[in-house]
Amino acid sequence: MVAVKARIPDIGDSFDPVTAGRAAIPRAGDSLNRGESEVGPIVSKRALNIMAGVVWYAGGVALLRKGTSLVLDAHELRPDESCAALAVSIGLVLGAVKAKFIFSGSCRRNLTRIAGLAEPRALQFFRPGFFVALAAMILSGVLLSRLAQVHYSLLCAVAALDLTIAVALLGSSYVFWKRRAFS
């Protein structure tokens, strides 16, 4: 076996900023969790859980208000027809099913992902793709609501859709509490 002595740099040695500290420079994907971004300040996992919960609840409340408003608009247009009541019934039933089988799983997976982050950053409370999907869903919802204002049947359908998603979001939020995400 041959012993190799490491050479200690001298003051007179030249300094190359390109190669200096190369091992300390993170490369794409080194310290990131499956495509996560390093944008934003480092925060606690609890803070990320709270931010995710706030967005989750805000979406549920906003859609509940919007869906209720559309149901009332539909009822004003044709008070004798039962489409508005049907929209509420559909929203409650489908929303409960989605909360149980789809949204609660998404919520659980997101909390598990947050718990596994090595250095949680402020914008990592959801994956980047979720923010894109959220923007698309909001724009679609606004467009559908505008289109529905002149069609009674479409008004009831959009109300049912909004109420379904609202009930699913609010109904699945128990996962935050069950997992003690805020403590």
N, C-alpha and C. Protein backbone atom coordinates (compact mmCIF):
# COMPACT_ATOMS: atom_id res chain seq x y z
N MET A 1 0.83 -1.16 0.00
CA MET A 1 0.00 0.00 0.00
C MET A 1 0.89 1.24 0.00
N VAL A 2 0.56 2.22 -0.81
CA VAL A 2 1.35 3.43 -0.94
C VAL A 2 0.61 4.57 -0.25
N ALA A 3 1.27 5.29 0.61
CA ALA A 3 0.66 6.43 1.29
C ALA A 3 0.77 7.65 0.41
N VAL A 4 -0.32 8.36 0.29
CA VAL A 4 -0.34 9.57 -0.53
C VAL A 4 -0.55 10.75 0.41
N LYS A 5 0.36 11.72 0.30
CA LYS A 5 0.23 12.91 1.13
C LYS A 5 -0.53 13.98 0.35
N ALA A 6 -1.48 14.59 1.04
CA ALA A 6 -2.21 15.68 0.41
C ALA A 6 -1.38 16.94 0.49
N ARG A 7 -1.38 17.72 -0.58
CA ARG A 7 -0.61 18.95 -0.61
C ARG A 7 -1.49 20.08 -0.10
N ILE A 8 -0.99 20.83 0.84
CA ILE A 8 -1.71 21.98 1.37
C ILE A 8 -1.39 23.17 0.49
N PRO A 9 -2.43 23.88 0.03
CA PRO A 9 -2.17 25.03 -0.85
C PRO A 9 -1.37 26.12 -0.14
N ASP A 10 -0.54 26.76 -0.90
CA ASP A 10 0.31 27.82 -0.38
C ASP A 10 -0.30 29.16 -0.80
N ILE A 11 0.08 30.22 -0.09
CA ILE A 11 -0.45 31.55 -0.40
C ILE A 11 -0.11 31.94 -1.83
N GLY A 12 0.98 31.53 -2.33
CA GLY A 12 1.41 31.91 -3.66
C GLY A 12 0.76 31.11 -4.78
N ASP A 13 0.00 30.05 -4.43
CA ASP A 13 -0.65 29.24 -5.46
C ASP A 13 -1.72 30.05 -6.18
N SER A 14 -1.90 29.73 -7.45
CA SER A 14 -2.95 30.44 -8.21
C SER A 14 -4.33 29.90 -7.81
N PHE A 15 -5.34 30.74 -7.93
CA PHE A 15 -6.70 30.38 -7.57
C PHE A 15 -7.56 30.30 -8.83
N ASP A 16 -8.22 29.18 -9.03
CA ASP A 16 -9.10 29.02 -10.19
C ASP A 16 -10.55 28.97 -9.68
N PRO A 17 -11.32 30.05 -9.89
CA PRO A 17 -12.69 30.09 -9.36
C PRO A 17 -13.62 29.07 -10.01
N VAL A 18 -13.27 28.58 -11.19
CA VAL A 18 -14.13 27.61 -11.88
C VAL A 18 -14.09 26.26 -11.17
N THR A 19 -12.90 25.84 -10.74
CA THR A 19 -12.79 24.53 -10.11
C THR A 19 -12.82 24.59 -8.59
N ALA A 20 -12.65 25.77 -8.02
CA ALA A 20 -12.64 25.89 -6.56
C ALA A 20 -14.01 25.56 -6.00
N GLY A 21 -14.05 24.67 -5.05
CA GLY A 21 -15.30 24.31 -4.37
C GLY A 21 -16.30 23.58 -5.24
N ARG A 22 -15.82 22.96 -6.30
CA ARG A 22 -16.74 22.28 -7.23
C ARG A 22 -17.59 21.22 -6.52
N ALA A 23 -17.03 20.53 -5.56
CA ALA A 23 -17.79 19.49 -4.86
C ALA A 23 -18.94 20.09 -4.07
N ALA A 24 -18.83 21.35 -3.66
CA ALA A 24 -19.88 21.97 -2.85
C ALA A 24 -21.01 22.54 -3.71
N ILE A 25 -20.79 22.68 -4.99
CA ILE A 25 -21.82 23.24 -5.86
C ILE A 25 -22.84 22.15 -6.19
N PRO A 26 -24.11 22.36 -5.83
CA PRO A 26 -25.11 21.33 -6.14
C PRO A 26 -25.39 21.27 -7.63
N ARG A 27 -25.49 20.09 -8.11
CA ARG A 27 -25.84 19.88 -9.51
C ARG A 27 -27.32 19.57 -9.59
N ALA A 28 -27.87 19.61 -10.79
CA ALA A 28 -29.30 19.37 -10.98
C ALA A 28 -29.74 18.09 -10.30
N GLY A 29 -30.69 18.23 -9.37
CA GLY A 29 -31.25 17.07 -8.71
C GLY A 29 -30.48 16.55 -7.51
N ASP A 30 -29.31 17.15 -7.16
CA ASP A 30 -28.51 16.65 -6.04
C ASP A 30 -29.29 16.65 -4.72
N SER A 31 -29.71 17.82 -4.29
CA SER A 31 -30.35 17.90 -2.98
C SER A 31 -31.85 18.09 -3.08
N LEU A 32 -32.38 17.91 -4.25
CA LEU A 32 -33.81 18.13 -4.44
C LEU A 32 -34.59 16.84 -4.28
N ASN A 33 -35.84 16.96 -3.93
CA ASN A 33 -36.72 15.82 -3.78
C ASN A 33 -37.58 15.66 -5.02
N ARG A 34 -37.21 14.78 -5.89
CA ARG A 34 -37.97 14.45 -7.10
C ARG A 34 -38.48 15.67 -7.85
N GLY A 35 -37.59 16.50 -8.35
CA GLY A 35 -37.98 17.63 -9.17
C GLY A 35 -38.45 18.84 -8.39
N GLU A 36 -38.30 18.83 -7.09
CA GLU A 36 -38.73 19.97 -6.30
C GLU A 36 -37.81 21.16 -6.57
N SER A 37 -38.35 22.32 -6.42
CA SER A 37 -37.62 23.55 -6.67
C SER A 37 -36.95 24.04 -5.39
N GLU A 38 -35.85 24.75 -5.52
CA GLU A 38 -35.19 25.36 -4.38
C GLU A 38 -35.54 26.84 -4.31
N VAL A 39 -36.72 27.21 -4.80
CA VAL A 39 -37.15 28.60 -4.80
C VAL A 39 -37.77 28.92 -3.45
N GLY A 40 -37.42 30.06 -2.91
CA GLY A 40 -38.01 30.52 -1.67
C GLY A 40 -37.15 30.17 -0.47
N PRO A 41 -37.47 30.82 0.64
CA PRO A 41 -36.70 30.58 1.86
C PRO A 41 -37.02 29.21 2.46
N ILE A 42 -36.09 28.72 3.25
CA ILE A 42 -36.32 27.46 3.96
C ILE A 42 -37.32 27.73 5.09
N VAL A 43 -38.31 26.86 5.19
CA VAL A 43 -39.34 26.99 6.22
C VAL A 43 -39.51 25.64 6.92
N SER A 44 -40.28 25.62 7.98
CA SER A 44 -40.52 24.36 8.68
C SER A 44 -41.56 23.53 7.92
N LYS A 45 -41.55 22.25 8.17
CA LYS A 45 -42.54 21.36 7.55
C LYS A 45 -43.93 21.70 8.05
N ARG A 46 -44.02 22.12 9.30
CA ARG A 46 -45.31 22.55 9.85
C ARG A 46 -45.86 23.74 9.07
N ALA A 47 -44.98 24.69 8.71
CA ALA A 47 -45.40 25.86 7.93
C ALA A 47 -45.94 25.42 6.57
N LEU A 48 -45.27 24.46 5.94
CA LEU A 48 -45.75 23.95 4.65
C LEU A 48 -47.11 23.27 4.81
N ASN A 49 -47.27 22.49 5.88
CA ASN A 49 -48.56 21.85 6.13
C ASN A 49 -49.67 22.89 6.31
N ILE A 50 -49.35 23.95 7.04
CA ILE A 50 -50.34 25.02 7.26
C ILE A 50 -50.69 25.69 5.94
N MET A 51 -49.67 25.99 5.12
CA MET A 51 -49.94 26.63 3.82
C MET A 51 -50.79 25.72 2.94
N ALA A 52 -50.48 24.43 2.92
CA ALA A 52 -51.28 23.48 2.13
C ALA A 52 -52.71 23.45 2.64
N GLY A 53 -52.88 23.44 3.97
CA GLY A 53 -54.22 23.43 4.55
C GLY A 53 -55.00 24.69 4.23
N VAL A 54 -54.33 25.84 4.30
CA VAL A 54 -55.00 27.11 3.99
C VAL A 54 -55.50 27.11 2.55
N VAL A 55 -54.66 26.68 1.61
CA VAL A 55 -55.07 26.62 0.20
C VAL A 55 -56.21 25.62 0.03
N TRP A 56 -56.12 24.47 0.69
CA TRP A 56 -57.14 23.42 0.60
C TRP A 56 -58.49 23.96 1.08
N TYR A 57 -58.49 24.57 2.28
CA TYR A 57 -59.72 25.12 2.85
C TYR A 57 -60.23 26.32 2.04
N ALA A 58 -59.34 27.19 1.60
CA ALA A 58 -59.75 28.36 0.82
C ALA A 58 -60.44 27.93 -0.47
N GLY A 59 -59.89 26.92 -1.12
CA GLY A 59 -60.53 26.40 -2.34
C GLY A 59 -61.90 25.84 -2.05
N GLY A 60 -62.02 25.09 -0.96
CA GLY A 60 -63.31 24.51 -0.60
C GLY A 60 -64.35 25.57 -0.28
N VAL A 61 -63.96 26.57 0.50
CA VAL A 61 -64.90 27.63 0.87
C VAL A 61 -65.28 28.47 -0.35
N ALA A 62 -64.31 28.81 -1.19
CA ALA A 62 -64.59 29.61 -2.39
C ALA A 62 -65.56 28.86 -3.31
N LEU A 63 -65.33 27.57 -3.52
CA LEU A 63 -66.21 26.80 -4.39
C LEU A 63 -67.59 26.59 -3.76
N LEU A 64 -67.64 26.48 -2.45
CA LEU A 64 -68.93 26.35 -1.77
C LEU A 64 -69.75 27.64 -1.95
N ARG A 65 -69.10 28.77 -1.79
CA ARG A 65 -69.78 30.07 -1.99
C ARG A 65 -70.23 30.23 -3.44
N LYS A 66 -69.35 29.90 -4.36
CA LYS A 66 -69.66 30.05 -5.79
C LYS A 66 -70.78 29.09 -6.19
N GLY A 67 -70.69 27.84 -5.77
CA GLY A 67 -71.73 26.86 -6.09
C GLY A 67 -73.08 27.24 -5.51
N THR A 68 -73.08 27.73 -4.27
CA THR A 68 -74.32 28.17 -3.64
C THR A 68 -74.91 29.35 -4.39
N SER A 69 -74.08 30.28 -4.79
CA SER A 69 -74.54 31.43 -5.57
C SER A 69 -75.16 30.99 -6.90
N LEU A 70 -74.54 30.02 -7.56
CA LEU A 70 -75.09 29.53 -8.83
C LEU A 70 -76.42 28.81 -8.62
N VAL A 71 -76.55 28.07 -7.53
CA VAL A 71 -77.81 27.39 -7.22
C VAL A 71 -78.91 28.44 -7.00
N LEU A 72 -78.59 29.49 -6.27
CA LEU A 72 -79.57 30.55 -6.02
C LEU A 72 -79.95 31.26 -7.32
N ASP A 73 -78.96 31.49 -8.19
CA ASP A 73 -79.26 32.09 -9.50
C ASP A 73 -80.19 31.20 -10.31
N ALA A 74 -79.92 29.90 -10.30
CA ALA A 74 -80.76 28.96 -11.04
C ALA A 74 -82.18 28.94 -10.47
N HIS A 75 -82.28 28.99 -9.16
CA HIS A 75 -83.60 28.99 -8.52
C HIS A 75 -84.37 30.27 -8.85
N GLU A 76 -83.66 31.39 -8.93
CA GLU A 76 -84.31 32.66 -9.31
C GLU A 76 -84.82 32.62 -10.74
N LEU A 77 -84.05 31.99 -11.63
CA LEU A 77 -84.46 31.91 -13.04
C LEU A 77 -85.73 31.08 -13.21
N ARG A 78 -85.77 29.94 -12.58
CA ARG A 78 -86.90 29.01 -12.70
C ARG A 78 -87.22 28.41 -11.34
N PRO A 79 -87.98 29.14 -10.52
CA PRO A 79 -88.26 28.65 -9.17
C PRO A 79 -89.11 27.39 -9.11
N ASP A 80 -89.85 27.10 -10.18
CA ASP A 80 -90.72 25.93 -10.19
C ASP A 80 -89.99 24.64 -10.54
N GLU A 81 -88.80 24.74 -11.10
CA GLU A 81 -88.07 23.55 -11.52
C GLU A 81 -87.14 23.06 -10.41
N SER A 82 -86.81 21.80 -10.46
CA SER A 82 -86.03 21.18 -9.38
C SER A 82 -84.55 20.98 -9.71
N CYS A 83 -84.09 21.62 -10.75
CA CYS A 83 -82.70 21.45 -11.15
C CYS A 83 -81.74 21.94 -10.07
N ALA A 84 -82.08 23.03 -9.42
CA ALA A 84 -81.20 23.57 -8.37
C ALA A 84 -81.08 22.59 -7.21
N ALA A 85 -82.20 21.99 -6.80
CA ALA A 85 -82.16 21.01 -5.72
C ALA A 85 -81.37 19.78 -6.15
N LEU A 86 -81.51 19.40 -7.41
CA LEU A 86 -80.76 18.27 -7.93
C LEU A 86 -79.25 18.56 -7.92
N ALA A 87 -78.88 19.80 -8.25
CA ALA A 87 -77.46 20.19 -8.23
C ALA A 87 -76.89 20.06 -6.83
N VAL A 88 -77.65 20.48 -5.83
CA VAL A 88 -77.19 20.37 -4.44
C VAL A 88 -77.04 18.90 -4.05
N SER A 89 -78.03 18.09 -4.41
CA SER A 89 -77.98 16.65 -4.07
C SER A 89 -76.79 15.98 -4.73
N ILE A 90 -76.59 16.25 -6.00
CA ILE A 90 -75.46 15.66 -6.73
C ILE A 90 -74.14 16.12 -6.11
N GLY A 91 -74.05 17.42 -5.80
CA GLY A 91 -72.82 17.95 -5.19
C GLY A 91 -72.49 17.29 -3.87
N LEU A 92 -73.50 17.06 -3.04
CA LEU A 92 -73.26 16.43 -1.74
C LEU A 92 -72.85 14.97 -1.88
N VAL A 93 -73.56 14.23 -2.71
CA VAL A 93 -73.28 12.79 -2.84
C VAL A 93 -71.93 12.55 -3.54
N LEU A 94 -71.75 13.16 -4.72
CA LEU A 94 -70.48 12.95 -5.44
C LEU A 94 -69.30 13.54 -4.68
N GLY A 95 -69.52 14.66 -4.01
CA GLY A 95 -68.45 15.27 -3.23
C GLY A 95 -68.00 14.37 -2.10
N ALA A 96 -68.96 13.73 -1.42
CA ALA A 96 -68.60 12.81 -0.33
C ALA A 96 -67.81 11.62 -0.86
N VAL A 97 -68.22 11.10 -2.01
CA VAL A 97 -67.51 9.97 -2.61
C VAL A 97 -66.09 10.38 -3.01
N LYS A 98 -65.97 11.55 -3.64
CA LYS A 98 -64.64 12.03 -4.05
C LYS A 98 -63.76 12.32 -2.84
N ALA A 99 -64.36 12.85 -1.78
CA ALA A 99 -63.58 13.14 -0.57
C ALA A 99 -63.00 11.85 -0.01
N LYS A 100 -63.82 10.82 0.05
CA LYS A 100 -63.40 9.55 0.66
C LYS A 100 -62.35 8.82 -0.20
N PHE A 101 -62.59 8.75 -1.51
CA PHE A 101 -61.76 7.87 -2.35
C PHE A 101 -60.69 8.57 -3.17
N ILE A 102 -60.77 9.88 -3.35
CA ILE A 102 -59.79 10.55 -4.21
C ILE A 102 -59.04 11.63 -3.45
N PHE A 103 -59.75 12.62 -2.94
CA PHE A 103 -59.10 13.79 -2.36
C PHE A 103 -58.37 13.48 -1.06
N SER A 104 -58.91 12.59 -0.23
CA SER A 104 -58.21 12.27 1.02
C SER A 104 -56.88 11.58 0.72
N GLY A 105 -56.83 10.76 -0.32
CA GLY A 105 -55.56 10.13 -0.73
C GLY A 105 -54.56 11.16 -1.23
N SER A 106 -55.04 12.13 -2.00
CA SER A 106 -54.15 13.19 -2.49
C SER A 106 -53.60 14.00 -1.33
N CYS A 107 -54.45 14.29 -0.38
CA CYS A 107 -54.03 15.06 0.80
C CYS A 107 -52.99 14.27 1.60
N ARG A 108 -53.24 12.99 1.80
CA ARG A 108 -52.30 12.13 2.54
C ARG A 108 -50.95 12.06 1.83
N ARG A 109 -50.97 11.86 0.52
CA ARG A 109 -49.71 11.78 -0.24
C ARG A 109 -48.94 13.09 -0.16
N ASN A 110 -49.64 14.23 -0.20
CA ASN A 110 -48.96 15.51 -0.13
C ASN A 110 -48.32 15.72 1.24
N LEU A 111 -49.02 15.34 2.30
CA LEU A 111 -48.44 15.47 3.64
C LEU A 111 -47.24 14.54 3.82
N THR A 112 -47.31 13.36 3.24
CA THR A 112 -46.18 12.43 3.29
C THR A 112 -44.99 13.00 2.52
N ARG A 113 -45.26 13.61 1.37
CA ARG A 113 -44.21 14.23 0.56
C ARG A 113 -43.55 15.37 1.34
N ILE A 114 -44.37 16.20 1.98
CA ILE A 114 -43.82 17.31 2.77
C ILE A 114 -42.94 16.77 3.90
N ALA A 115 -43.40 15.74 4.57
CA ALA A 115 -42.63 15.15 5.68
C ALA A 115 -41.28 14.62 5.21
N GLY A 116 -41.17 14.24 3.94
CA GLY A 116 -39.92 13.70 3.41
C GLY A 116 -38.97 14.73 2.83
N LEU A 117 -39.35 15.99 2.83
CA LEU A 117 -38.47 17.02 2.28
C LEU A 117 -37.27 17.24 3.19
N ALA A 118 -36.08 17.28 2.59
CA ALA A 118 -34.86 17.49 3.37
C ALA A 118 -34.73 18.95 3.81
N GLU A 119 -34.92 19.87 2.91
CA GLU A 119 -34.86 21.31 3.20
C GLU A 119 -36.12 21.96 2.64
N PRO A 120 -37.21 21.96 3.38
CA PRO A 120 -38.48 22.49 2.86
C PRO A 120 -38.38 23.97 2.51
N ARG A 121 -38.86 24.30 1.35
CA ARG A 121 -38.89 25.69 0.88
C ARG A 121 -40.32 26.18 0.87
N ALA A 122 -40.50 27.49 0.93
CA ALA A 122 -41.82 28.10 1.09
C ALA A 122 -42.82 27.69 0.01
N LEU A 123 -42.39 27.49 -1.19
CA LEU A 123 -43.34 27.16 -2.27
C LEU A 123 -43.49 25.67 -2.50
N GLN A 124 -43.00 24.85 -1.59
CA GLN A 124 -43.09 23.41 -1.77
C GLN A 124 -44.29 22.79 -1.07
N PHE A 125 -45.27 23.60 -0.65
CA PHE A 125 -46.43 23.01 0.01
C PHE A 125 -47.29 22.22 -0.96
N PHE A 126 -47.13 22.46 -2.25
CA PHE A 126 -47.67 21.60 -3.30
C PHE A 126 -46.59 21.47 -4.37
N ARG A 127 -46.70 20.45 -5.19
CA ARG A 127 -45.74 20.27 -6.29
C ARG A 127 -45.96 21.37 -7.33
N PRO A 128 -44.93 21.70 -8.12
CA PRO A 128 -45.09 22.74 -9.15
C PRO A 128 -46.23 22.45 -10.12
N GLY A 129 -46.40 21.20 -10.49
CA GLY A 129 -47.48 20.85 -11.41
C GLY A 129 -48.86 21.14 -10.84
N PHE A 130 -48.99 21.07 -9.51
CA PHE A 130 -50.28 21.36 -8.89
C PHE A 130 -50.65 22.82 -9.11
N PHE A 131 -49.66 23.72 -9.01
CA PHE A 131 -49.95 25.14 -9.20
C PHE A 131 -50.43 25.42 -10.63
N VAL A 132 -49.85 24.73 -11.59
CA VAL A 132 -50.28 24.88 -12.98
C VAL A 132 -51.71 24.35 -13.13
N ALA A 133 -51.97 23.18 -12.55
CA ALA A 133 -53.32 22.60 -12.62
C ALA A 133 -54.33 23.49 -11.90
N LEU A 134 -53.94 24.07 -10.77
CA LEU A 134 -54.82 24.95 -10.02
C LEU A 134 -55.20 26.18 -10.84
N ALA A 135 -54.22 26.77 -11.50
CA ALA A 135 -54.50 27.93 -12.35
C ALA A 135 -55.45 27.55 -13.48
N ALA A 136 -55.23 26.39 -14.10
CA ALA A 136 -56.11 25.93 -15.18
C ALA A 136 -57.53 25.67 -14.67
N MET A 137 -57.64 25.09 -13.46
CA MET A 137 -58.97 24.83 -12.89
C MET A 137 -59.70 26.13 -12.57
N ILE A 138 -58.99 27.11 -12.04
CA ILE A 138 -59.62 28.39 -11.71
C ILE A 138 -60.10 29.08 -12.98
N LEU A 139 -59.25 29.10 -14.01
CA LEU A 139 -59.65 29.73 -15.28
C LEU A 139 -60.83 29.00 -15.91
N SER A 140 -60.81 27.68 -15.87
CA SER A 140 -61.94 26.90 -16.41
C SER A 140 -63.22 27.18 -15.64
N GLY A 141 -63.11 27.26 -14.32
CA GLY A 141 -64.28 27.55 -13.50
C GLY A 141 -64.88 28.90 -13.79
N VAL A 142 -64.03 29.90 -13.95
CA VAL A 142 -64.51 31.25 -14.28
C VAL A 142 -65.19 31.24 -15.65
N LEU A 143 -64.58 30.59 -16.62
CA LEU A 143 -65.15 30.51 -17.96
C LEU A 143 -66.49 29.78 -17.95
N LEU A 144 -66.56 28.64 -17.27
CA LEU A 144 -67.81 27.89 -17.20
C LEU A 144 -68.92 28.69 -16.52
N SER A 145 -68.58 29.42 -15.48
CA SER A 145 -69.58 30.24 -14.79
C SER A 145 -70.11 31.35 -15.69
N ARG A 146 -69.22 31.95 -16.45
CA ARG A 146 -69.65 33.01 -17.38
C ARG A 146 -70.57 32.44 -18.46
N LEU A 147 -70.19 31.30 -19.01
CA LEU A 147 -71.01 30.67 -20.04
C LEU A 147 -72.36 30.21 -19.49
N ALA A 148 -72.39 29.81 -18.25
CA ALA A 148 -73.60 29.25 -17.65
C ALA A 148 -74.65 30.31 -17.33
N GLN A 149 -74.27 31.56 -17.28
CA GLN A 149 -75.21 32.60 -16.86
C GLN A 149 -76.44 32.71 -17.78
N VAL A 150 -76.33 32.26 -18.99
CA VAL A 150 -77.48 32.38 -19.92
C VAL A 150 -78.19 31.05 -20.16
N HIS A 151 -77.68 29.96 -19.62
CA HIS A 151 -78.29 28.64 -19.82
C HIS A 151 -78.64 28.02 -18.47
N TYR A 152 -79.91 27.79 -18.24
CA TYR A 152 -80.38 27.26 -16.96
C TYR A 152 -79.76 25.89 -16.67
N SER A 153 -79.78 25.00 -17.64
CA SER A 153 -79.24 23.64 -17.43
C SER A 153 -77.74 23.68 -17.13
N LEU A 154 -77.02 24.50 -17.88
CA LEU A 154 -75.58 24.62 -17.66
C LEU A 154 -75.29 25.26 -16.30
N LEU A 155 -76.14 26.21 -15.90
CA LEU A 155 -76.01 26.84 -14.59
C LEU A 155 -76.11 25.78 -13.48
N CYS A 156 -77.08 24.89 -13.61
CA CYS A 156 -77.24 23.81 -12.63
C CYS A 156 -76.07 22.84 -12.67
N ALA A 157 -75.57 22.55 -13.87
CA ALA A 157 -74.45 21.62 -14.00
C ALA A 157 -73.18 22.19 -13.38
N VAL A 158 -72.90 23.46 -13.63
CA VAL A 158 -71.71 24.10 -13.06
C VAL A 158 -71.85 24.21 -11.55
N ALA A 159 -73.06 24.49 -11.07
CA ALA A 159 -73.30 24.54 -9.63
C ALA A 159 -73.02 23.17 -9.01
N ALA A 160 -73.50 22.12 -9.65
CA ALA A 160 -73.25 20.76 -9.14
C ALA A 160 -71.76 20.45 -9.13
N LEU A 161 -71.04 20.84 -10.18
CA LEU A 161 -69.60 20.62 -10.26
C LEU A 161 -68.87 21.36 -9.14
N ASP A 162 -69.20 22.64 -8.96
CA ASP A 162 -68.55 23.43 -7.92
C ASP A 162 -68.84 22.87 -6.53
N LEU A 163 -70.09 22.49 -6.30
CA LEU A 163 -70.45 21.93 -4.99
C LEU A 163 -69.79 20.58 -4.76
N THR A 164 -69.66 19.78 -5.82
CA THR A 164 -68.98 18.49 -5.70
C THR A 164 -67.54 18.67 -5.25
N ILE A 165 -66.83 19.57 -5.90
CA ILE A 165 -65.42 19.80 -5.56
C ILE A 165 -65.29 20.45 -4.19
N ALA A 166 -66.21 21.36 -3.86
CA ALA A 166 -66.19 22.01 -2.54
C ALA A 166 -66.36 20.97 -1.43
N VAL A 167 -67.36 20.10 -1.58
CA VAL A 167 -67.60 19.08 -0.56
C VAL A 167 -66.42 18.11 -0.50
N ALA A 168 -65.82 17.79 -1.64
CA ALA A 168 -64.67 16.89 -1.66
C ALA A 168 -63.48 17.51 -0.93
N LEU A 169 -63.21 18.78 -1.19
CA LEU A 169 -62.09 19.46 -0.52
C LEU A 169 -62.33 19.57 0.98
N LEU A 170 -63.50 20.06 1.34
CA LEU A 170 -63.80 20.24 2.77
C LEU A 170 -63.93 18.90 3.48
N GLY A 171 -64.52 17.93 2.80
CA GLY A 171 -64.70 16.61 3.42
C GLY A 171 -63.40 15.86 3.60
N SER A 172 -62.45 16.06 2.71
CA SER A 172 -61.16 15.36 2.82
C SER A 172 -60.19 16.07 3.74
N SER A 173 -60.53 17.26 4.17
CA SER A 173 -59.61 18.04 5.01
C SER A 173 -59.40 17.41 6.38
N TYR A 174 -60.22 16.42 6.73
CA TYR A 174 -60.01 15.73 8.01
C TYR A 174 -58.62 15.10 8.08
N VAL A 175 -58.03 14.82 6.90
CA VAL A 175 -56.70 14.21 6.86
C VAL A 175 -55.67 15.12 7.53
N PHE A 176 -55.80 16.44 7.35
CA PHE A 176 -54.88 17.37 8.01
C PHE A 176 -54.95 17.20 9.53
N TRP A 177 -56.16 17.04 10.04
CA TRP A 177 -56.35 16.95 11.49
C TRP A 177 -55.96 15.56 12.01
N LYS A 178 -56.31 14.54 11.25
CA LYS A 178 -55.98 13.17 11.65
C LYS A 178 -54.46 12.98 11.72
N ARG A 179 -53.76 13.57 10.78
CA ARG A 179 -52.30 13.46 10.74
C ARG A 179 -51.60 14.50 11.61
N ARG A 180 -52.36 15.32 12.30
CA ARG A 180 -51.83 16.39 13.14
C ARG A 180 -50.86 17.27 12.37
N ALA A 181 -51.29 17.65 11.18
CA ALA A 181 -50.42 18.43 10.29
C ALA A 181 -50.15 19.84 10.80
N PHE A 182 -51.01 20.34 11.68
CA PHE A 182 -50.85 21.73 12.13
C PHE A 182 -50.18 21.84 13.48
N SER A 183 -49.79 20.72 14.07
CA SER A 183 -49.17 20.81 15.39
C SER A 183 -47.72 20.37 15.37
